[in-house]
Amino acid sequence: ADRLEQVAKQYGIRAATSNRELVAEADVVILAVKPQIMSG
């Protein structure tokens, strides 16, 4: 949460409350997670 808040504030983007919410509303989804947590 602290990292998300920092990036959202620095770039003026929105911090989504959940992965599902983000995917449901996005037209394009970028998977930017480490390989070991990708399947989850």
PDB file of all heavy atoms in Angstrom:
ATOM      1  N   ALA A   1       0.824  -1.216   0.000  1.00  0.00           N
ATOM      2  CA  ALA A   1       0.000   0.000   0.000  1.00  0.00           C
ATOM      3  C   ALA A   1       0.857   1.264   0.000  1.00  0.00           C
ATOM      4  O   ALA A   1       0.518   2.243  -0.674  1.00  0.00           O
ATOM      5  CB  ALA A   1      -0.941  -0.004   1.205  1.00  0.00           C
ATOM      6  N   ASP A   2       1.969   1.247   0.736  1.00  0.00           N
ATOM      7  CA  ASP A   2       2.827   2.432   0.786  1.00  0.00           C
ATOM      8  C   ASP A   2       3.455   2.729  -0.572  1.00  0.00           C
ATOM      9  O   ASP A   2       3.541   3.882  -0.992  1.00  0.00           O
ATOM     10  CB  ASP A   2       3.907   2.291   1.865  1.00  0.00           C
ATOM     11  CG  ASP A   2       4.849   1.113   1.644  1.00  0.00           C
ATOM     12  OD1 ASP A   2       4.415   0.066   1.098  1.00  0.00           O
ATOM     13  OD2 ASP A   2       6.026   1.210   2.041  1.00  0.00           O
ATOM     14  N   ARG A   3       3.842   1.694  -1.283  1.00  0.00           N
ATOM     15  CA  ARG A   3       4.426   1.866  -2.621  1.00  0.00           C
ATOM     16  C   ARG A   3       3.369   2.403  -3.588  1.00  0.00           C
ATOM     17  O   ARG A   3       3.631   3.319  -4.370  1.00  0.00           O
ATOM     18  CB  ARG A   3       4.988   0.528  -3.117  1.00  0.00           C
ATOM     19  CG  ARG A   3       5.462   0.532  -4.539  1.00  0.00           C
ATOM     20  CD  ARG A   3       6.669   1.424  -4.735  1.00  0.00           C
ATOM     21  NE  ARG A   3       7.088   1.349  -6.131  1.00  0.00           N
ATOM     22  CZ  ARG A   3       8.005   2.120  -6.661  1.00  0.00           C
ATOM     23  NH1 ARG A   3       8.625   3.019  -5.925  1.00  0.00           N
ATOM     24  NH2 ARG A   3       8.321   2.005  -7.923  1.00  0.00           N
ATOM     25  N   LEU A   4       2.173   1.842  -3.549  1.00  0.00           N
ATOM     26  CA  LEU A   4       1.094   2.289  -4.422  1.00  0.00           C
ATOM     27  C   LEU A   4       0.770   3.755  -4.157  1.00  0.00           C
ATOM     28  O   LEU A   4       0.617   4.540  -5.093  1.00  0.00           O
ATOM     29  CB  LEU A   4      -0.149   1.419  -4.222  1.00  0.00           C
ATOM     30  CG  LEU A   4      -1.365   1.793  -5.054  1.00  0.00           C
ATOM     31  CD1 LEU A   4      -1.060   1.750  -6.554  1.00  0.00           C
ATOM     32  CD2 LEU A   4      -2.524   0.871  -4.709  1.00  0.00           C
ATOM     33  N   GLU A   5       0.688   4.135  -2.905  1.00  0.00           N
ATOM     34  CA  GLU A   5       0.389   5.523  -2.545  1.00  0.00           C
ATOM     35  C   GLU A   5       1.468   6.465  -3.084  1.00  0.00           C
ATOM     36  O   GLU A   5       1.166   7.529  -3.622  1.00  0.00           O
ATOM     37  CB  GLU A   5       0.294   5.648  -1.028  1.00  0.00           C
ATOM     38  CG  GLU A   5      -0.056   7.030  -0.547  1.00  0.00           C
ATOM     39  CD  GLU A   5      -0.142   7.112   0.973  1.00  0.00           C
ATOM     40  OE1 GLU A   5      -0.566   6.130   1.598  1.00  0.00           O
ATOM     41  OE2 GLU A   5       0.219   8.177   1.508  1.00  0.00           O
ATOM     42  N   GLN A   6       2.723   6.052  -2.964  1.00  0.00           N
ATOM     43  CA  GLN A   6       3.843   6.873  -3.434  1.00  0.00           C
ATOM     44  C   GLN A   6       3.774   7.076  -4.950  1.00  0.00           C
ATOM     45  O   GLN A   6       3.878   8.203  -5.444  1.00  0.00           O
ATOM     46  CB  GLN A   6       5.177   6.215  -3.070  1.00  0.00           C
ATOM     47  CG  GLN A   6       6.383   6.940  -3.657  1.00  0.00           C
ATOM     48  CD  GLN A   6       7.564   6.020  -3.911  1.00  0.00           C
ATOM     49  OE1 GLN A   6       7.584   4.876  -3.474  1.00  0.00           O
ATOM     50  NE2 GLN A   6       8.538   6.506  -4.640  1.00  0.00           N
ATOM     51  N   VAL A   7       3.549   6.008  -5.701  1.00  0.00           N
ATOM     52  CA  VAL A   7       3.499   6.095  -7.161  1.00  0.00           C
ATOM     53  C   VAL A   7       2.277   6.902  -7.603  1.00  0.00           C
ATOM     54  O   VAL A   7       2.365   7.745  -8.499  1.00  0.00           O
ATOM     55  CB  VAL A   7       3.506   4.683  -7.801  1.00  0.00           C
ATOM     56  CG1 VAL A   7       3.231   4.733  -9.292  1.00  0.00           C
ATOM     57  CG2 VAL A   7       4.850   4.000  -7.542  1.00  0.00           C
ATOM     58  N   ALA A   8       1.137   6.667  -6.963  1.00  0.00           N
ATOM     59  CA  ALA A   8      -0.080   7.402  -7.311  1.00  0.00           C
ATOM     60  C   ALA A   8       0.105   8.900  -7.094  1.00  0.00           C
ATOM     61  O   ALA A   8      -0.261   9.715  -7.948  1.00  0.00           O
ATOM     62  CB  ALA A   8      -1.257   6.880  -6.495  1.00  0.00           C
ATOM     63  N   LYS A   9       0.699   9.260  -5.984  1.00  0.00           N
ATOM     64  CA  LYS A   9       0.920  10.673  -5.670  1.00  0.00           C
ATOM     65  C   LYS A   9       1.946  11.292  -6.616  1.00  0.00           C
ATOM     66  O   LYS A   9       1.747  12.392  -7.135  1.00  0.00           O
ATOM     67  CB  LYS A   9       1.388  10.803  -4.224  1.00  0.00           C
ATOM     68  CG  LYS A   9       1.481  12.218  -3.730  1.00  0.00           C
ATOM     69  CD  LYS A   9       1.816  12.250  -2.247  1.00  0.00           C
ATOM     70  CE  LYS A   9       1.839  13.667  -1.736  1.00  0.00           C
ATOM     71  NZ  LYS A   9       2.114  13.714  -0.306  1.00  0.00           N
ATOM     72  N   GLN A  10       3.022  10.585  -6.871  1.00  0.00           N
ATOM     73  CA  GLN A  10       4.104  11.111  -7.709  1.00  0.00           C
ATOM     74  C   GLN A  10       3.652  11.358  -9.149  1.00  0.00           C
ATOM     75  O   GLN A  10       4.042  12.349  -9.761  1.00  0.00           O
ATOM     76  CB  GLN A  10       5.293  10.148  -7.707  1.00  0.00           C
ATOM     77  CG  GLN A  10       6.471  10.646  -8.519  1.00  0.00           C
ATOM     78  CD  GLN A  10       7.691   9.761  -8.362  1.00  0.00           C
ATOM     79  OE1 GLN A  10       7.745   8.869  -7.519  1.00  0.00           O
ATOM     80  NE2 GLN A  10       8.691  10.014  -9.176  1.00  0.00           N
ATOM     81  N   TYR A  11       2.821  10.468  -9.697  1.00  0.00           N
ATOM     82  CA  TYR A  11       2.449  10.560 -11.105  1.00  0.00           C
ATOM     83  C   TYR A  11       1.009  11.032 -11.328  1.00  0.00           C
ATOM     84  O   TYR A  11       0.588  11.208 -12.470  1.00  0.00           O
ATOM     85  CB  TYR A  11       2.673   9.218 -11.800  1.00  0.00           C
ATOM     86  CG  TYR A  11       4.133   8.840 -11.807  1.00  0.00           C
ATOM     87  CD1 TYR A  11       4.637   7.924 -10.901  1.00  0.00           C
ATOM     88  CD2 TYR A  11       5.025   9.439 -12.700  1.00  0.00           C
ATOM     89  CE1 TYR A  11       5.984   7.595 -10.881  1.00  0.00           C
ATOM     90  CE2 TYR A  11       6.368   9.118 -12.693  1.00  0.00           C
ATOM     91  CZ  TYR A  11       6.848   8.202 -11.775  1.00  0.00           C
ATOM     92  OH  TYR A  11       8.191   7.878 -11.761  1.00  0.00           O
ATOM     93  N   GLY A  12       0.258  11.219 -10.273  1.00  0.00           N
ATOM     94  CA  GLY A  12      -1.106  11.699 -10.401  1.00  0.00           C
ATOM     95  C   GLY A  12      -2.070  10.670 -10.957  1.00  0.00           C
ATOM     96  O   GLY A  12      -3.096  11.009 -11.540  1.00  0.00           O
ATOM     97  N   ILE A  13      -1.761   9.389 -10.741  1.00  0.00           N
ATOM     98  CA  ILE A  13      -2.632   8.306 -11.203  1.00  0.00           C
ATOM     99  C   ILE A  13      -3.551   7.883 -10.060  1.00  0.00           C
ATOM    100  O   ILE A  13      -3.361   8.279  -8.909  1.00  0.00           O
ATOM    101  CB  ILE A  13      -1.822   7.107 -11.738  1.00  0.00           C
ATOM    102  CG1 ILE A  13      -1.035   6.439 -10.611  1.00  0.00           C
ATOM    103  CG2 ILE A  13      -0.914   7.542 -12.884  1.00  0.00           C
ATOM    104  CD1 ILE A  13      -0.413   5.103 -10.991  1.00  0.00           C
ATOM    105  N   ARG A  14      -4.523   7.044 -10.378  1.00  0.00           N
ATOM    106  CA  ARG A  14      -5.454   6.566  -9.358  1.00  0.00           C
ATOM    107  C   ARG A  14      -4.965   5.251  -8.768  1.00  0.00           C
ATOM    108  O   ARG A  14      -4.541   4.355  -9.491  1.00  0.00           O
ATOM    109  CB  ARG A  14      -6.839   6.363  -9.966  1.00  0.00           C
ATOM    110  CG  ARG A  14      -7.905   6.053  -8.937  1.00  0.00           C
ATOM    111  CD  ARG A  14      -9.280   6.014  -9.555  1.00  0.00           C
ATOM    112  NE  ARG A  14      -9.444   4.880 -10.454  1.00  0.00           N
ATOM    113  CZ  ARG A  14      -9.688   3.635 -10.055  1.00  0.00           C
ATOM    114  NH1 ARG A  14      -9.776   3.340  -8.773  1.00  0.00           N
ATOM    115  NH2 ARG A  14      -9.844   2.676 -10.940  1.00  0.00           N
ATOM    116  N   ALA A  15      -5.039   5.145  -7.462  1.00  0.00           N
ATOM    117  CA  ALA A  15      -4.729   3.902  -6.762  1.00  0.00           C
ATOM    118  C   ALA A  15      -6.024   3.103  -6.671  1.00  0.00           C
ATOM    119  O   ALA A  15      -6.963   3.513  -5.986  1.00  0.00           O
ATOM    120  CB  ALA A  15      -4.173   4.192  -5.373  1.00  0.00           C
ATOM    121  N   ALA A  16      -6.112   2.002  -7.402  1.00  0.00           N
ATOM    122  CA  ALA A  16      -7.319   1.164  -7.386  1.00  0.00           C
ATOM    123  C   ALA A  16      -7.380   0.386  -6.078  1.00  0.00           C
ATOM    124  O   ALA A  16      -6.353   0.053  -5.488  1.00  0.00           O
ATOM    125  CB  ALA A  16      -7.320   0.225  -8.581  1.00  0.00           C
ATOM    126  N   THR A  17      -8.594   0.067  -5.660  1.00  0.00           N
ATOM    127  CA  THR A  17      -8.756  -0.621  -4.379  1.00  0.00           C
ATOM    128  C   THR A  17      -8.582  -2.127  -4.471  1.00  0.00           C
ATOM    129  O   THR A  17      -8.322  -2.777  -3.470  1.00  0.00           O
ATOM    130  CB  THR A  17     -10.132  -0.299  -3.761  1.00  0.00           C
ATOM    131  OG1 THR A  17     -11.145  -0.678  -4.688  1.00  0.00           O
ATOM    132  CG2 THR A  17     -10.256   1.180  -3.445  1.00  0.00           C
ATOM    133  N   SER A  18      -8.724  -2.691  -5.688  1.00  0.00           N
ATOM    134  CA  SER A  18      -8.521  -4.137  -5.823  1.00  0.00           C
ATOM    135  C   SER A  18      -8.130  -4.485  -7.253  1.00  0.00           C
ATOM    136  O   SER A  18      -8.442  -3.747  -8.190  1.00  0.00           O
ATOM    137  CB  SER A  18      -9.793  -4.910  -5.447  1.00  0.00           C
ATOM    138  OG  SER A  18     -10.757  -4.814  -6.483  1.00  0.00           O
ATOM    139  N   ASN A  19      -7.478  -5.622  -7.397  1.00  0.00           N
ATOM    140  CA  ASN A  19      -7.097  -6.099  -8.727  1.00  0.00           C
ATOM    141  C   ASN A  19      -8.322  -6.336  -9.600  1.00  0.00           C
ATOM    142  O   ASN A  19      -8.338  -5.995 -10.781  1.00  0.00           O
ATOM    143  CB  ASN A  19      -6.291  -7.401  -8.622  1.00  0.00           C
ATOM    144  CG  ASN A  19      -4.913  -7.188  -8.044  1.00  0.00           C
ATOM    145  OD1 ASN A  19      -4.395  -6.078  -8.021  1.00  0.00           O
ATOM    146  ND2 ASN A  19      -4.308  -8.263  -7.563  1.00  0.00           N
ATOM    147  N   ARG A  20      -9.352  -6.929  -9.020  1.00  0.00           N
ATOM    148  CA  ARG A  20     -10.570  -7.224  -9.788  1.00  0.00           C
ATOM    149  C   ARG A  20     -11.246  -5.954 -10.282  1.00  0.00           C
ATOM    150  O   ARG A  20     -11.702  -5.877 -11.418  1.00  0.00           O
ATOM    151  CB  ARG A  20     -11.539  -8.051  -8.952  1.00  0.00           C
ATOM    152  CG  ARG A  20     -11.069  -9.459  -8.755  1.00  0.00           C
ATOM    153  CD  ARG A  20     -12.060 -10.244  -7.957  1.00  0.00           C
ATOM    154  NE  ARG A  20     -11.524 -11.569  -7.682  1.00  0.00           N
ATOM    155  CZ  ARG A  20     -12.205 -12.518  -7.100  1.00  0.00           C
ATOM    156  NH1 ARG A  20     -13.455 -12.304  -6.729  1.00  0.00           N
ATOM    157  NH2 ARG A  20     -11.659 -13.686  -6.883  1.00  0.00           N
ATOM    158  N   GLU A  21     -11.330  -4.965  -9.422  1.00  0.00           N
ATOM    159  CA  GLU A  21     -11.923  -3.679  -9.811  1.00  0.00           C
ATOM    160  C   GLU A  21     -11.140  -3.074 -10.967  1.00  0.00           C
ATOM    161  O   GLU A  21     -11.714  -2.612 -11.955  1.00  0.00           O
ATOM    162  CB  GLU A  21     -11.914  -2.716  -8.622  1.00  0.00           C
ATOM    163  CG  GLU A  21     -12.294  -1.288  -8.987  1.00  0.00           C
ATOM    164  CD  GLU A  21     -11.832  -0.266  -7.948  1.00  0.00           C
ATOM    165  OE1 GLU A  21     -11.634  -0.629  -6.776  1.00  0.00           O
ATOM    166  OE2 GLU A  21     -11.666   0.902  -8.334  1.00  0.00           O
ATOM    167  N   LEU A  22      -9.830  -3.090 -10.860  1.00  0.00           N
ATOM    168  CA  LEU A  22      -8.983  -2.513 -11.891  1.00  0.00           C
ATOM    169  C   LEU A  22      -9.193  -3.216 -13.234  1.00  0.00           C
ATOM    170  O   LEU A  22      -9.399  -2.572 -14.256  1.00  0.00           O
ATOM    171  CB  LEU A  22      -7.509  -2.603 -11.475  1.00  0.00           C
ATOM    172  CG  LEU A  22      -6.536  -1.983 -12.457  1.00  0.00           C
ATOM    173  CD1 LEU A  22      -5.501  -1.158 -11.734  1.00  0.00           C
ATOM    174  CD2 LEU A  22      -5.854  -3.055 -13.273  1.00  0.00           C
ATOM    175  N   VAL A  23      -9.181  -4.528 -13.239  1.00  0.00           N
ATOM    176  CA  VAL A  23      -9.349  -5.293 -14.477  1.00  0.00           C
ATOM    177  C   VAL A  23     -10.728  -5.063 -15.080  1.00  0.00           C
ATOM    178  O   VAL A  23     -10.876  -4.929 -16.295  1.00  0.00           O
ATOM    179  CB  VAL A  23      -9.079  -6.795 -14.237  1.00  0.00           C
ATOM    180  CG1 VAL A  23      -9.493  -7.638 -15.428  1.00  0.00           C
ATOM    181  CG2 VAL A  23      -7.597  -7.009 -13.924  1.00  0.00           C
ATOM    182  N   ALA A  24     -11.752  -4.983 -14.243  1.00  0.00           N
ATOM    183  CA  ALA A  24     -13.115  -4.798 -14.735  1.00  0.00           C
ATOM    184  C   ALA A  24     -13.306  -3.464 -15.443  1.00  0.00           C
ATOM    185  O   ALA A  24     -14.089  -3.360 -16.379  1.00  0.00           O
ATOM    186  CB  ALA A  24     -14.108  -4.935 -13.583  1.00  0.00           C
ATOM    187  N   GLU A  25     -12.582  -2.445 -15.021  1.00  0.00           N
ATOM    188  CA  GLU A  25     -12.789  -1.118 -15.602  1.00  0.00           C
ATOM    189  C   GLU A  25     -11.751  -0.728 -16.654  1.00  0.00           C
ATOM    190  O   GLU A  25     -11.958   0.229 -17.396  1.00  0.00           O
ATOM    191  CB  GLU A  25     -12.829  -0.055 -14.511  1.00  0.00           C
ATOM    192  CG  GLU A  25     -11.502   0.167 -13.834  1.00  0.00           C
ATOM    193  CD  GLU A  25     -11.573   1.141 -12.672  1.00  0.00           C
ATOM    194  OE1 GLU A  25     -12.633   1.270 -12.060  1.00  0.00           O
ATOM    195  OE2 GLU A  25     -10.545   1.764 -12.376  1.00  0.00           O
ATOM    196  N   ALA A  26     -10.652  -1.445 -16.745  1.00  0.00           N
ATOM    197  CA  ALA A  26      -9.580  -1.073 -17.676  1.00  0.00           C
ATOM    198  C   ALA A  26      -9.832  -1.604 -19.087  1.00  0.00           C
ATOM    199  O   ALA A  26     -10.413  -2.666 -19.272  1.00  0.00           O
ATOM    200  CB  ALA A  26      -8.252  -1.606 -17.166  1.00  0.00           C
ATOM    201  N   ASP A  27      -9.400  -0.819 -20.065  1.00  0.00           N
ATOM    202  CA  ASP A  27      -9.418  -1.266 -21.456  1.00  0.00           C
ATOM    203  C   ASP A  27      -8.153  -2.066 -21.768  1.00  0.00           C
ATOM    204  O   ASP A  27      -8.176  -2.985 -22.575  1.00  0.00           O
ATOM    205  CB  ASP A  27      -9.482  -0.063 -22.400  1.00  0.00           C
ATOM    206  CG  ASP A  27     -10.747   0.749 -22.224  1.00  0.00           C
ATOM    207  OD1 ASP A  27     -11.841   0.152 -22.265  1.00  0.00           O
ATOM    208  OD2 ASP A  27     -10.647   1.978 -22.040  1.00  0.00           O
ATOM    209  N   VAL A  28      -7.049  -1.680 -21.120  1.00  0.00           N
ATOM    210  CA  VAL A  28      -5.751  -2.326 -21.297  1.00  0.00           C
ATOM    211  C   VAL A  28      -5.214  -2.629 -19.904  1.00  0.00           C
ATOM    212  O   VAL A  28      -5.211  -1.761 -19.040  1.00  0.00           O
ATOM    213  CB  VAL A  28      -4.755  -1.401 -22.039  1.00  0.00           C
ATOM    214  CG1 VAL A  28      -3.382  -2.038 -22.150  1.00  0.00           C
ATOM    215  CG2 VAL A  28      -5.293  -1.026 -23.408  1.00  0.00           C
ATOM    216  N   VAL A  29      -4.754  -3.854 -19.689  1.00  0.00           N
ATOM    217  CA  VAL A  29      -4.190  -4.241 -18.393  1.00  0.00           C
ATOM    218  C   VAL A  29      -2.730  -4.640 -18.602  1.00  0.00           C
ATOM    219  O   VAL A  29      -2.422  -5.485 -19.440  1.00  0.00           O
ATOM    220  CB  VAL A  29      -4.965  -5.413 -17.748  1.00  0.00           C
ATOM    221  CG1 VAL A  29      -4.307  -5.844 -16.443  1.00  0.00           C
ATOM    222  CG2 VAL A  29      -6.416  -5.022 -17.520  1.00  0.00           C
ATOM    223  N   ILE A  30      -1.846  -4.013 -17.846  1.00  0.00           N
ATOM    224  CA  ILE A  30      -0.415  -4.316 -17.872  1.00  0.00           C
ATOM    225  C   ILE A  30      -0.098  -5.162 -16.643  1.00  0.00           C
ATOM    226  O   ILE A  30      -0.364  -4.751 -15.512  1.00  0.00           O
ATOM    227  CB  ILE A  30       0.434  -3.021 -17.827  1.00  0.00           C
ATOM    228  CG1 ILE A  30      -0.033  -2.009 -18.855  1.00  0.00           C
ATOM    229  CG2 ILE A  30       1.920  -3.358 -17.910  1.00  0.00           C
ATOM    230  CD1 ILE A  30       0.451  -2.159 -20.232  1.00  0.00           C
ATOM    231  N   LEU A  31       0.456  -6.340 -16.884  1.00  0.00           N
ATOM    232  CA  LEU A  31       0.856  -7.225 -15.783  1.00  0.00           C
ATOM    233  C   LEU A  31       2.291  -6.895 -15.408  1.00  0.00           C
ATOM    234  O   LEU A  31       3.224  -7.243 -16.137  1.00  0.00           O
ATOM    235  CB  LEU A  31       0.724  -8.682 -16.196  1.00  0.00           C
ATOM    236  CG  LEU A  31      -0.678  -9.118 -16.615  1.00  0.00           C
ATOM    237  CD1 LEU A  31      -0.643 -10.501 -17.238  1.00  0.00           C
ATOM    238  CD2 LEU A  31      -1.621  -9.081 -15.438  1.00  0.00           C
ATOM    239  N   ALA A  32       2.468  -6.204 -14.299  1.00  0.00           N
ATOM    240  CA  ALA A  32       3.792  -5.754 -13.877  1.00  0.00           C
ATOM    241  C   ALA A  32       4.113  -6.300 -12.491  1.00  0.00           C
ATOM    242  O   ALA A  32       4.459  -5.554 -11.584  1.00  0.00           O
ATOM    243  CB  ALA A  32       3.842  -4.227 -13.896  1.00  0.00           C
ATOM    244  N   VAL A  33       3.975  -7.614 -12.354  1.00  0.00           N
ATOM    245  CA  VAL A  33       4.263  -8.275 -11.076  1.00  0.00           C
ATOM    246  C   VAL A  33       5.396  -9.274 -11.277  1.00  0.00           C
ATOM    247  O   VAL A  33       5.685  -9.693 -12.394  1.00  0.00           O
ATOM    248  CB  VAL A  33       3.018  -8.986 -10.499  1.00  0.00           C
ATOM    249  CG1 VAL A  33       1.913  -7.981 -10.217  1.00  0.00           C
ATOM    250  CG2 VAL A  33       2.516 -10.069 -11.423  1.00  0.00           C
ATOM    251  N   LYS A  34       5.988  -9.653 -10.191  1.00  0.00           N
ATOM    252  CA  LYS A  34       7.092 -10.627 -10.254  1.00  0.00           C
ATOM    253  C   LYS A  34       6.565 -11.987 -10.698  1.00  0.00           C
ATOM    254  O   LYS A  34       5.442 -12.359 -10.367  1.00  0.00           O
ATOM    255  CB  LYS A  34       7.770 -10.722  -8.893  1.00  0.00           C
ATOM    256  CG  LYS A  34       8.448  -9.413  -8.503  1.00  0.00           C
ATOM    257  CD  LYS A  34       9.372  -9.616  -7.332  1.00  0.00           C
ATOM    258  CE  LYS A  34      10.040  -8.329  -6.913  1.00  0.00           C
ATOM    259  NZ  LYS A  34      11.030  -7.840  -7.831  1.00  0.00           N
ATOM    260  N   PRO A  35       7.377 -12.725 -11.446  1.00  0.00           N
ATOM    261  CA  PRO A  35       6.930 -14.021 -11.974  1.00  0.00           C
ATOM    262  C   PRO A  35       6.409 -14.982 -10.911  1.00  0.00           C
ATOM    263  O   PRO A  35       5.437 -15.698 -11.143  1.00  0.00           O
ATOM    264  CB  PRO A  35       8.179 -14.584 -12.654  1.00  0.00           C
ATOM    265  CG  PRO A  35       9.015 -13.397 -12.970  1.00  0.00           C
ATOM    266  CD  PRO A  35       8.724 -12.390 -11.884  1.00  0.00           C
ATOM    267  N   GLN A  36       6.997 -14.974  -9.739  1.00  0.00           N
ATOM    268  CA  GLN A  36       6.601 -15.923  -8.701  1.00  0.00           C
ATOM    269  C   GLN A  36       5.215 -15.655  -8.124  1.00  0.00           C
ATOM    270  O   GLN A  36       4.632 -16.531  -7.501  1.00  0.00           O
ATOM    271  CB  GLN A  36       7.654 -16.011  -7.587  1.00  0.00           C
ATOM    272  CG  GLN A  36       7.929 -14.735  -6.859  1.00  0.00           C
ATOM    273  CD  GLN A  36       9.087 -13.936  -7.431  1.00  0.00           C
ATOM    274  OE1 GLN A  36       9.361 -13.987  -8.620  1.00  0.00           O
ATOM    275  NE2 GLN A  36       9.770 -13.184  -6.578  1.00  0.00           N
ATOM    276  N   ILE A  37       4.653 -14.463  -8.344  1.00  0.00           N
ATOM    277  CA  ILE A  37       3.296 -14.203  -7.861  1.00  0.00           C
ATOM    278  C   ILE A  37       2.287 -14.061  -9.005  1.00  0.00           C
ATOM    279  O   ILE A  37       1.101 -13.849  -8.762  1.00  0.00           O
ATOM    280  CB  ILE A  37       3.232 -12.977  -6.928  1.00  0.00           C
ATOM    281  CG1 ILE A  37       3.584 -11.685  -7.664  1.00  0.00           C
ATOM    282  CG2 ILE A  37       4.097 -13.169  -5.702  1.00  0.00           C
ATOM    283  CD1 ILE A  37       3.225 -10.444  -6.884  1.00  0.00           C
ATOM    284  N   MET A  38       2.750 -14.212 -10.227  1.00  0.00           N
ATOM    285  CA  MET A  38       1.882 -14.030 -11.391  1.00  0.00           C
ATOM    286  C   MET A  38       0.664 -14.952 -11.360  1.00  0.00           C
ATOM    287  O   MET A  38      -0.452 -14.509 -11.605  1.00  0.00           O
ATOM    288  CB  MET A  38       2.665 -14.251 -12.685  1.00  0.00           C
ATOM    289  CG  MET A  38       1.855 -14.033 -13.950  1.00  0.00           C
ATOM    290  SD  MET A  38       1.356 -12.336 -14.225  1.00  0.00           S
ATOM    291  CE  MET A  38       2.913 -11.621 -14.690  1.00  0.00           C
ATOM    292  N   SER A  39       0.852 -16.238 -11.079  1.00  0.00           N
ATOM    293  CA  SER A  39      -0.291 -17.166 -11.124  1.00  0.00           C
ATOM    294  C   SER A  39      -1.356 -16.787 -10.104  1.00  0.00           C
ATOM    295  O   SER A  39      -2.551 -16.854 -10.392  1.00  0.00           O
ATOM    296  CB  SER A  39       0.153 -18.621 -10.953  1.00  0.00           C
ATOM    297  OG  SER A  39       0.643 -18.839  -9.656  1.00  0.00           O
ATOM    298  N   GLY A  40      -0.958 -16.349  -8.930  1.00  0.00           N
ATOM    299  CA  GLY A  40      -1.924 -15.924  -7.917  1.00  0.00           C
ATOM    300  C   GLY A  40      -2.698 -14.695  -8.348  1.00  0.00           C
ATOM    301  O   GLY A  40      -3.910 -14.608  -8.149  1.00  0.00           O
TER     302      GLY A  40
END
